[in-house]
């Protein structure tokens, strides 16, 4: 034997006009997120540039002043390898 029970769902707020809500009922959020695509692009540019300069230096050219400083606040890292079957 079993019992069937009808349970009312909890009430929820539906905001009809966000512009009319008094300030006391509003919270402000400020979110800063790094643009990882742009950072990755720049890090790759620096890496490729420095590799080219190092090759020129290995060939005997005095180009050490052209090396770009790598930022200390971000770096590139490769994730785990995986096997893909199609």
PDB file of N, CA and C in Angstrom:
ATOM      1  N   UNK A   1       0.835  -1.164   0.000  1.00  0.00           N
ATOM      2  CA  UNK A   1       0.000   0.000   0.000  1.00  0.00           C
ATOM      3  C   UNK A   1       0.890   1.241   0.000  1.00  0.00           C
ATOM      4  N   UNK A   2       0.425   2.303  -0.601  1.00  0.00           N
ATOM      5  CA  UNK A   2       1.195   3.542  -0.671  1.00  0.00           C
ATOM      6  C   UNK A   2       0.277   4.735  -0.492  1.00  0.00           C
ATOM      7  N   UNK A   3       0.892   5.890  -0.228  1.00  0.00           N
ATOM      8  CA  UNK A   3       0.144   7.123   0.007  1.00  0.00           C
ATOM      9  C   UNK A   3       0.551   8.154  -1.032  1.00  0.00           C
ATOM     10  N   UNK A   4      -0.403   8.854  -1.566  1.00  0.00           N
ATOM     11  CA  UNK A   4      -0.140   9.941  -2.503  1.00  0.00           C
ATOM     12  C   UNK A   4      -0.465  11.242  -1.789  1.00  0.00           C
ATOM     13  N   UNK A   5       0.488  12.184  -1.820  1.00  0.00           N
ATOM     14  CA  UNK A   5       0.296  13.468  -1.151  1.00  0.00           C
ATOM     15  C   UNK A   5       0.579  14.589  -2.140  1.00  0.00           C
ATOM     16  N   UNK A   6      -0.283  15.574  -2.154  1.00  0.00           N
ATOM     17  CA  UNK A   6      -0.069  16.759  -2.982  1.00  0.00           C
ATOM     18  C   UNK A   6       0.615  17.805  -2.116  1.00  0.00           C
ATOM     19  N   UNK A   7       1.793  18.247  -2.553  1.00  0.00           N
ATOM     20  CA  UNK A   7       2.557  19.238  -1.801  1.00  0.00           C
ATOM     21  C   UNK A   7       2.660  20.492  -2.645  1.00  0.00           C
ATOM     22  N   UNK A   8       2.303  21.627  -2.059  1.00  0.00           N
ATOM     23  CA  UNK A   8       2.413  22.896  -2.772  1.00  0.00           C
ATOM     24  C   UNK A   8       3.881  23.310  -2.860  1.00  0.00           C
ATOM     25  N   UNK A   9       4.258  23.814  -4.002  1.00  0.00           N
ATOM     26  CA  UNK A   9       5.636  24.288  -4.147  1.00  0.00           C
ATOM     27  C   UNK A   9       5.790  25.610  -3.413  1.00  0.00           C
ATOM     28  N   UNK A  10       7.009  25.944  -2.989  1.00  0.00           N
ATOM     29  CA  UNK A  10       7.198  27.207  -2.278  1.00  0.00           C
ATOM     30  C   UNK A  10       6.926  28.402  -3.188  1.00  0.00           C
ATOM     31  N   UNK A  11       6.540  29.495  -2.576  1.00  0.00           N
ATOM     32  CA  UNK A  11       6.296  30.707  -3.354  1.00  0.00           C
ATOM     33  C   UNK A  11       7.626  31.243  -3.876  1.00  0.00           C
ATOM     34  N   UNK A  12       7.565  31.900  -5.030  1.00  0.00           N
ATOM     35  CA  UNK A  12       8.757  32.527  -5.566  1.00  0.00           C
ATOM     36  C   UNK A  12       8.412  33.931  -6.018  1.00  0.00           C
ATOM     37  N   UNK A  13       9.399  34.771  -6.039  1.00  0.00           N
ATOM     38  CA  UNK A  13       9.196  36.168  -6.411  1.00  0.00           C
ATOM     39  C   UNK A  13       9.341  36.312  -7.917  1.00  0.00           C
ATOM     40  N   UNK A  14       8.378  36.958  -8.517  1.00  0.00           N
ATOM     41  CA  UNK A  14       8.430  37.303  -9.933  1.00  0.00           C
ATOM     42  C   UNK A  14       8.529  38.824  -9.994  1.00  0.00           C
ATOM     43  N   UNK A  15       9.637  39.336 -10.510  1.00  0.00           N
ATOM     44  CA  UNK A  15       9.824  40.784 -10.604  1.00  0.00           C
ATOM     45  C   UNK A  15       9.245  41.244 -11.930  1.00  0.00           C
ATOM     46  N   UNK A  16       8.261  42.123 -11.853  1.00  0.00           N
ATOM     47  CA  UNK A  16       7.590  42.615 -13.052  1.00  0.00           C
ATOM     48  C   UNK A  16       8.269  43.853 -13.633  1.00  0.00           C
ATOM     49  N   UNK A  17       8.912  44.650 -12.786  1.00  0.00           N
ATOM     50  CA  UNK A  17       9.558  45.873 -13.265  1.00  0.00           C
ATOM     51  C   UNK A  17      10.793  46.138 -12.406  1.00  0.00           C
ATOM     52  N   UNK A  18      11.964  45.726 -12.872  1.00  0.00           N
ATOM     53  CA  UNK A  18      13.194  45.890 -12.095  1.00  0.00           C
ATOM     54  C   UNK A  18      13.509  47.351 -11.806  1.00  0.00           C
ATOM     55  N   UNK A  19      13.136  48.242 -12.705  1.00  0.00           N
ATOM     56  CA  UNK A  19      13.441  49.668 -12.536  1.00  0.00           C
ATOM     57  C   UNK A  19      12.676  50.283 -11.359  1.00  0.00           C
ATOM     58  N   UNK A  20      11.562  49.705 -10.986  1.00  0.00           N
ATOM     59  CA  UNK A  20      10.721  50.272  -9.929  1.00  0.00           C
ATOM     60  C   UNK A  20      11.041  49.721  -8.540  1.00  0.00           C
ATOM     61  N   UNK A  21      11.962  48.792  -8.434  1.00  0.00           N
ATOM     62  CA  UNK A  21      12.283  48.187  -7.139  1.00  0.00           C
ATOM     63  C   UNK A  21      13.025  49.205  -6.273  1.00  0.00           C
ATOM     64  N   UNK A  22      12.587  49.430  -5.033  1.00  0.00           N
ATOM     65  CA  UNK A  22      13.293  50.348  -4.128  1.00  0.00           C
ATOM     66  C   UNK A  22      14.715  49.845  -3.841  1.00  0.00           C
ATOM     67  N   UNK A  23      15.629  50.772  -3.587  1.00  0.00           N
ATOM     68  CA  UNK A  23      17.040  50.441  -3.362  1.00  0.00           C
ATOM     69  C   UNK A  23      17.250  49.432  -2.240  1.00  0.00           C
ATOM     70  N   UNK A  24      16.406  49.457  -1.231  1.00  0.00           N
ATOM     71  CA  UNK A  24      16.583  48.546  -0.099  1.00  0.00           C
ATOM     72  C   UNK A  24      16.396  47.072  -0.489  1.00  0.00           C
ATOM     73  N   UNK A  25      15.798  46.822  -1.650  1.00  0.00           N
ATOM     74  CA  UNK A  25      15.576  45.453  -2.109  1.00  0.00           C
ATOM     75  C   UNK A  25      16.492  45.064  -3.265  1.00  0.00           C
ATOM     76  N   UNK A  26      17.546  45.833  -3.465  1.00  0.00           N
ATOM     77  CA  UNK A  26      18.464  45.589  -4.578  1.00  0.00           C
ATOM     78  C   UNK A  26      19.866  45.381  -4.022  1.00  0.00           C
ATOM     79  N   UNK A  27      20.581  44.407  -4.555  1.00  0.00           N
ATOM     80  CA  UNK A  27      21.990  44.235  -4.194  1.00  0.00           C
ATOM     81  C   UNK A  27      22.828  44.480  -5.448  1.00  0.00           C
ATOM     82  N   UNK A  28      23.995  45.030  -5.247  1.00  0.00           N
ATOM     83  CA  UNK A  28      24.878  45.378  -6.349  1.00  0.00           C
ATOM     84  C   UNK A  28      26.028  44.391  -6.389  1.00  0.00           C
ATOM     85  N   UNK A  29      26.297  43.854  -7.575  1.00  0.00           N
ATOM     86  CA  UNK A  29      27.408  42.927  -7.745  1.00  0.00           C
ATOM     87  C   UNK A  29      28.377  43.521  -8.755  1.00  0.00           C
ATOM     88  N   UNK A  30      29.636  43.424  -8.436  1.00  0.00           N
ATOM     89  CA  UNK A  30      30.677  43.858  -9.363  1.00  0.00           C
ATOM     90  C   UNK A  30      31.616  42.675  -9.546  1.00  0.00           C
ATOM     91  N   UNK A  31      31.731  42.193 -10.770  1.00  0.00           N
ATOM     92  CA  UNK A  31      32.536  41.009 -11.034  1.00  0.00           C
ATOM     93  C   UNK A  31      33.648  41.367 -12.006  1.00  0.00           C
ATOM     94  N   UNK A  32      34.873  41.066 -11.610  1.00  0.00           N
ATOM     95  CA  UNK A  32      36.019  41.268 -12.488  1.00  0.00           C
ATOM     96  C   UNK A  32      36.551  39.883 -12.833  1.00  0.00           C
ATOM     97  N   UNK A  33      36.567  39.575 -14.117  1.00  0.00           N
ATOM     98  CA  UNK A  33      37.078  38.281 -14.556  1.00  0.00           C
ATOM     99  C   UNK A  33      38.158  38.495 -15.607  1.00  0.00           C
ATOM    100  N   UNK A  34      39.248  37.753 -15.523  1.00  0.00           N
ATOM    101  CA  UNK A  34      40.305  37.896 -16.517  1.00  0.00           C
ATOM    102  C   UNK A  34      39.842  37.392 -17.882  1.00  0.00           C
ATOM    103  N   UNK A  35      40.264  38.066 -18.929  1.00  0.00           N
ATOM    104  CA  UNK A  35      39.961  37.655 -20.298  1.00  0.00           C
ATOM    105  C   UNK A  35      41.037  36.657 -20.716  1.00  0.00           C
ATOM    106  N   UNK A  36      40.793  35.378 -20.443  1.00  0.00           N
ATOM    107  CA  UNK A  36      41.814  34.351 -20.631  1.00  0.00           C
ATOM    108  C   UNK A  36      42.210  34.156 -22.085  1.00  0.00           C
ATOM    109  N   UNK A  37      41.292  34.373 -23.020  1.00  0.00           N
ATOM    110  CA  UNK A  37      41.647  34.246 -24.437  1.00  0.00           C
ATOM    111  C   UNK A  37      42.671  35.303 -24.828  1.00  0.00           C
ATOM    112  N   UNK A  38      42.443  36.535 -24.403  1.00  0.00           N
ATOM    113  CA  UNK A  38      43.368  37.621 -24.716  1.00  0.00           C
ATOM    114  C   UNK A  38      44.709  37.399 -24.026  1.00  0.00           C
ATOM    115  N   UNK A  39      44.675  36.945 -22.779  1.00  0.00           N
ATOM    116  CA  UNK A  39      45.911  36.663 -22.047  1.00  0.00           C
ATOM    117  C   UNK A  39      46.688  35.556 -22.743  1.00  0.00           C
ATOM    118  N   UNK A  40      46.002  34.473 -23.146  1.00  0.00           N
ATOM    119  CA  UNK A  40      46.667  33.361 -23.828  1.00  0.00           C
ATOM    120  C   UNK A  40      47.304  33.825 -25.132  1.00  0.00           C
ATOM    121  N   UNK A  41      46.593  34.646 -25.883  1.00  0.00           N
ATOM    122  CA  UNK A  41      47.130  35.156 -27.144  1.00  0.00           C
ATOM    123  C   UNK A  41      48.409  35.939 -26.899  1.00  0.00           C
ATOM    124  N   UNK A  42      48.389  36.813 -25.904  1.00  0.00           N
ATOM    125  CA  UNK A  42      49.577  37.630 -25.612  1.00  0.00           C
ATOM    126  C   UNK A  42      50.725  36.773 -25.104  1.00  0.00           C
ATOM    127  N   UNK A  43      50.447  35.800 -24.246  1.00  0.00           N
ATOM    128  CA  UNK A  43      51.502  34.919 -23.744  1.00  0.00           C
ATOM    129  C   UNK A  43      52.136  34.121 -24.875  1.00  0.00           C
ATOM    130  N   UNK A  44      51.320  33.668 -25.833  1.00  0.00           N
ATOM    131  CA  UNK A  44      51.852  32.930 -26.985  1.00  0.00           C
ATOM    132  C   UNK A  44      52.698  33.836 -27.865  1.00  0.00           C
ATOM    133  N   UNK A  45      52.268  35.093 -28.040  1.00  0.00           N
ATOM    134  CA  UNK A  45      53.054  36.049 -28.824  1.00  0.00           C
ATOM    135  C   UNK A  45      54.419  36.276 -28.182  1.00  0.00           C
ATOM    136  N   UNK A  46      54.443  36.451 -26.868  1.00  0.00           N
ATOM    137  CA  UNK A  46      55.707  36.653 -26.153  1.00  0.00           C
ATOM    138  C   UNK A  46      56.589  35.427 -26.297  1.00  0.00           C
ATOM    139  N   UNK A  47      55.996  34.235 -26.110  1.00  0.00           N
ATOM    140  CA  UNK A  47      56.765  32.994 -26.215  1.00  0.00           C
ATOM    141  C   UNK A  47      57.360  32.833 -27.605  1.00  0.00           C
ATOM    142  N   UNK A  48      56.540  33.041 -28.648  1.00  0.00           N
ATOM    143  CA  UNK A  48      57.019  32.886 -30.022  1.00  0.00           C
ATOM    144  C   UNK A  48      58.096  33.911 -30.353  1.00  0.00           C
ATOM    145  N   UNK A  49      57.903  35.146 -29.909  1.00  0.00           N
ATOM    146  CA  UNK A  49      58.894  36.196 -30.150  1.00  0.00           C
ATOM    147  C   UNK A  49      60.218  35.830 -29.487  1.00  0.00           C
ATOM    148  N   UNK A  50      60.159  35.428 -28.217  1.00  0.00           N
ATOM    149  CA  UNK A  50      61.380  35.094 -27.484  1.00  0.00           C
ATOM    150  C   UNK A  50      62.080  33.876 -28.070  1.00  0.00           C
ATOM    151  N   UNK A  51      61.318  32.900 -28.565  1.00  0.00           N
ATOM    152  CA  UNK A  51      61.936  31.738 -29.213  1.00  0.00           C
ATOM    153  C   UNK A  51      62.702  32.167 -30.457  1.00  0.00           C
ATOM    154  N   UNK A  52      62.117  33.063 -31.249  1.00  0.00           N
ATOM    155  CA  UNK A  52      62.781  33.552 -32.460  1.00  0.00           C
ATOM    156  C   UNK A  52      64.045  34.333 -32.099  1.00  0.00           C
ATOM    157  N   UNK A  53      63.973  35.149 -31.060  1.00  0.00           N
ATOM    158  CA  UNK A  53      65.149  35.923 -30.633  1.00  0.00           C
ATOM    159  C   UNK A  53      66.236  34.981 -30.128  1.00  0.00           C
ATOM    160  N   UNK A  54      65.857  33.959 -29.359  1.00  0.00           N
ATOM    161  CA  UNK A  54      66.852  33.005 -28.843  1.00  0.00           C
ATOM    162  C   UNK A  54      67.533  32.242 -29.979  1.00  0.00           C
ATOM    163  N   UNK A  55      66.787  31.922 -31.039  1.00  0.00           N
ATOM    164  CA  UNK A  55      67.397  31.257 -32.201  1.00  0.00           C
ATOM    165  C   UNK A  55      68.428  32.169 -32.848  1.00  0.00           C
ATOM    166  N   UNK A  56      68.089  33.455 -32.952  1.00  0.00           N
ATOM    167  CA  UNK A  56      69.036  34.413 -33.526  1.00  0.00           C
ATOM    168  C   UNK A  56      70.265  34.546 -32.631  1.00  0.00           C
ATOM    169  N   UNK A  57      70.052  34.527 -31.322  1.00  0.00           N
ATOM    170  CA  UNK A  57      71.175  34.618 -30.387  1.00  0.00           C
ATOM    171  C   UNK A  57      72.055  33.376 -30.492  1.00  0.00           C
ATOM    172  N   UNK A  58      71.426  32.196 -30.672  1.00  0.00           N
ATOM    173  CA  UNK A  58      72.187  30.953 -30.817  1.00  0.00           C
ATOM    174  C   UNK A  58      73.020  30.971 -32.092  1.00  0.00           C
ATOM    175  N   UNK A  59      72.557  31.728 -33.086  1.00  0.00           N
ATOM    176  CA  UNK A  59      73.296  31.839 -34.347  1.00  0.00           C
ATOM    177  C   UNK A  59      74.401  32.891 -34.252  1.00  0.00           C
ATOM    178  N   UNK A  60      74.547  33.512 -33.076  1.00  0.00           N
ATOM    179  CA  UNK A  60      75.635  34.456 -32.873  1.00  0.00           C
ATOM    180  C   UNK A  60      75.234  35.915 -32.901  1.00  0.00           C
ATOM    181  N   UNK A  61      73.984  36.203 -33.128  1.00  0.00           N
ATOM    182  CA  UNK A  61      73.526  37.597 -33.189  1.00  0.00           C
ATOM    183  C   UNK A  61      73.353  38.153 -31.773  1.00  0.00           C
ATOM    184  N   UNK A  62      73.709  39.414 -31.582  1.00  0.00           N
ATOM    185  CA  UNK A  62      73.545  40.068 -30.283  1.00  0.00           C
ATOM    186  C   UNK A  62      72.140  40.666 -30.222  1.00  0.00           C
ATOM    187  N   UNK A  63      71.175  39.898 -29.726  1.00  0.00           N
ATOM    188  CA  UNK A  63      69.777  40.336 -29.731  1.00  0.00           C
ATOM    189  C   UNK A  63      69.127  40.199 -28.365  1.00  0.00           C
ATOM    190  N   UNK A  64      69.933  40.055 -27.333  1.00  0.00           N
ATOM    191  CA  UNK A  64      69.383  39.822 -25.990  1.00  0.00           C
ATOM    192  C   UNK A  64      68.462  40.951 -25.535  1.00  0.00           C
ATOM    193  N   UNK A  65      68.732  42.171 -25.969  1.00  0.00           N
ATOM    194  CA  UNK A  65      67.909  43.317 -25.574  1.00  0.00           C
ATOM    195  C   UNK A  65      66.493  43.229 -26.145  1.00  0.00           C
ATOM    196  N   UNK A  66      66.290  42.399 -27.170  1.00  0.00           N
ATOM    197  CA  UNK A  66      64.975  42.265 -27.803  1.00  0.00           C
ATOM    198  C   UNK A  66      64.062  41.268 -27.094  1.00  0.00           C
ATOM    199  N   UNK A  67      64.605  40.531 -26.120  1.00  0.00           N
ATOM    200  CA  UNK A  67      63.775  39.571 -25.388  1.00  0.00           C
ATOM    201  C   UNK A  67      62.699  40.316 -24.609  1.00  0.00           C
ATOM    202  N   UNK A  68      61.473  39.814 -24.678  1.00  0.00           N
ATOM    203  CA  UNK A  68      60.356  40.408 -23.945  1.00  0.00           C
ATOM    204  C   UNK A  68      60.249  39.739 -22.579  1.00  0.00           C
ATOM    205  N   UNK A  69      59.948  40.531 -21.562  1.00  0.00           N
ATOM    206  CA  UNK A  69      59.787  39.983 -20.218  1.00  0.00           C
ATOM    207  C   UNK A  69      58.483  39.198 -20.137  1.00  0.00           C
ATOM    208  N   UNK A  70      58.573  38.005 -19.588  1.00  0.00           N
ATOM    209  CA  UNK A  70      57.377  37.179 -19.421  1.00  0.00           C
ATOM    210  C   UNK A  70      56.685  37.595 -18.127  1.00  0.00           C
ATOM    211  N   UNK A  71      55.363  37.789 -18.174  1.00  0.00           N
ATOM    212  CA  UNK A  71      54.654  38.266 -16.980  1.00  0.00           C
ATOM    213  C   UNK A  71      54.707  37.244 -15.848  1.00  0.00           C
ATOM    214  N   UNK A  72      54.744  37.752 -14.628  1.00  0.00           N
ATOM    215  CA  UNK A  72      54.773  36.868 -13.459  1.00  0.00           C
ATOM    216  C   UNK A  72      53.366  36.529 -12.976  1.00  0.00           C
ATOM    217  N   UNK A  73      52.361  37.183 -13.519  1.00  0.00           N
ATOM    218  CA  UNK A  73      50.983  37.030 -13.041  1.00  0.00           C
ATOM    219  C   UNK A  73      50.177  36.004 -13.827  1.00  0.00           C
ATOM    220  N   UNK A  74      50.764  35.417 -14.882  1.00  0.00           N
ATOM    221  CA  UNK A  74      50.050  34.382 -15.654  1.00  0.00           C
ATOM    222  C   UNK A  74      51.061  33.554 -16.429  1.00  0.00           C
ATOM    223  N   UNK A  75      50.703  32.323 -16.718  1.00  0.00           N
ATOM    224  CA  UNK A  75      51.545  31.461 -17.552  1.00  0.00           C
ATOM    225  C   UNK A  75      50.653  30.471 -18.290  1.00  0.00           C
ATOM    226  N   UNK A  76      51.208  29.860 -19.326  1.00  0.00           N
ATOM    227  CA  UNK A  76      50.480  28.841 -20.088  1.00  0.00           C
ATOM    228  C   UNK A  76      50.807  27.472 -19.512  1.00  0.00           C
ATOM    229  N   UNK A  77      49.826  26.628 -19.467  1.00  0.00           N
ATOM    230  CA  UNK A  77      50.005  25.276 -18.956  1.00  0.00           C
ATOM    231  C   UNK A  77      49.137  24.345 -19.778  1.00  0.00           C
ATOM    232  N   UNK A  78      49.702  23.239 -20.218  1.00  0.00           N
ATOM    233  CA  UNK A  78      48.932  22.277 -21.004  1.00  0.00           C
ATOM    234  C   UNK A  78      48.224  21.316 -20.058  1.00  0.00           C
ATOM    235  N   UNK A  79      46.966  21.027 -20.343  1.00  0.00           N
ATOM    236  CA  UNK A  79      46.184  20.102 -19.521  1.00  0.00           C
ATOM    237  C   UNK A  79      46.582  18.657 -19.772  1.00  0.00           C
ATOM    238  N   UNK A  80      45.843  17.769 -19.177  1.00  0.00           N
ATOM    239  CA  UNK A  80      46.090  16.335 -19.326  1.00  0.00           C
ATOM    240  C   UNK A  80      45.835  15.896 -20.765  1.00  0.00           C
ATOM    241  N   UNK A  81      46.641  14.978 -21.246  1.00  0.00           N
ATOM    242  CA  UNK A  81      46.435  14.411 -22.578  1.00  0.00           C
ATOM    243  C   UNK A  81      45.256  13.445 -22.542  1.00  0.00           C
ATOM    244  N   UNK A  82      44.641  13.263 -23.685  1.00  0.00           N
ATOM    245  CA  UNK A  82      43.525  12.327 -23.758  1.00  0.00           C
ATOM    246  C   UNK A  82      43.583  11.597 -25.091  1.00  0.00           C
ATOM    247  N   UNK A  83      42.873  10.506 -25.151  1.00  0.00           N
ATOM    248  CA  UNK A  83      42.773   9.728 -26.387  1.00  0.00           C
ATOM    249  C   UNK A  83      41.377   9.947 -26.942  1.00  0.00           C
ATOM    250  N   UNK A  84      41.308  10.272 -28.212  1.00  0.00           N
ATOM    251  CA  UNK A  84      40.015  10.530 -28.843  1.00  0.00           C
ATOM    252  C   UNK A  84      39.798   9.492 -29.945  1.00  0.00           C
ATOM    253  N   UNK A  85      38.675   8.806 -29.887  1.00  0.00           N
ATOM    254  CA  UNK A  85      38.308   7.831 -30.913  1.00  0.00           C
ATOM    255  C   UNK A  85      37.127   8.369 -31.697  1.00  0.00           C
ATOM    256  N   UNK A  86      37.208   8.273 -33.028  1.00  0.00           N
ATOM    257  CA  UNK A  86      36.092   8.727 -33.864  1.00  0.00           C
ATOM    258  C   UNK A  86      35.588   7.589 -34.711  1.00  0.00           C
TER     259      UNK A  86
END
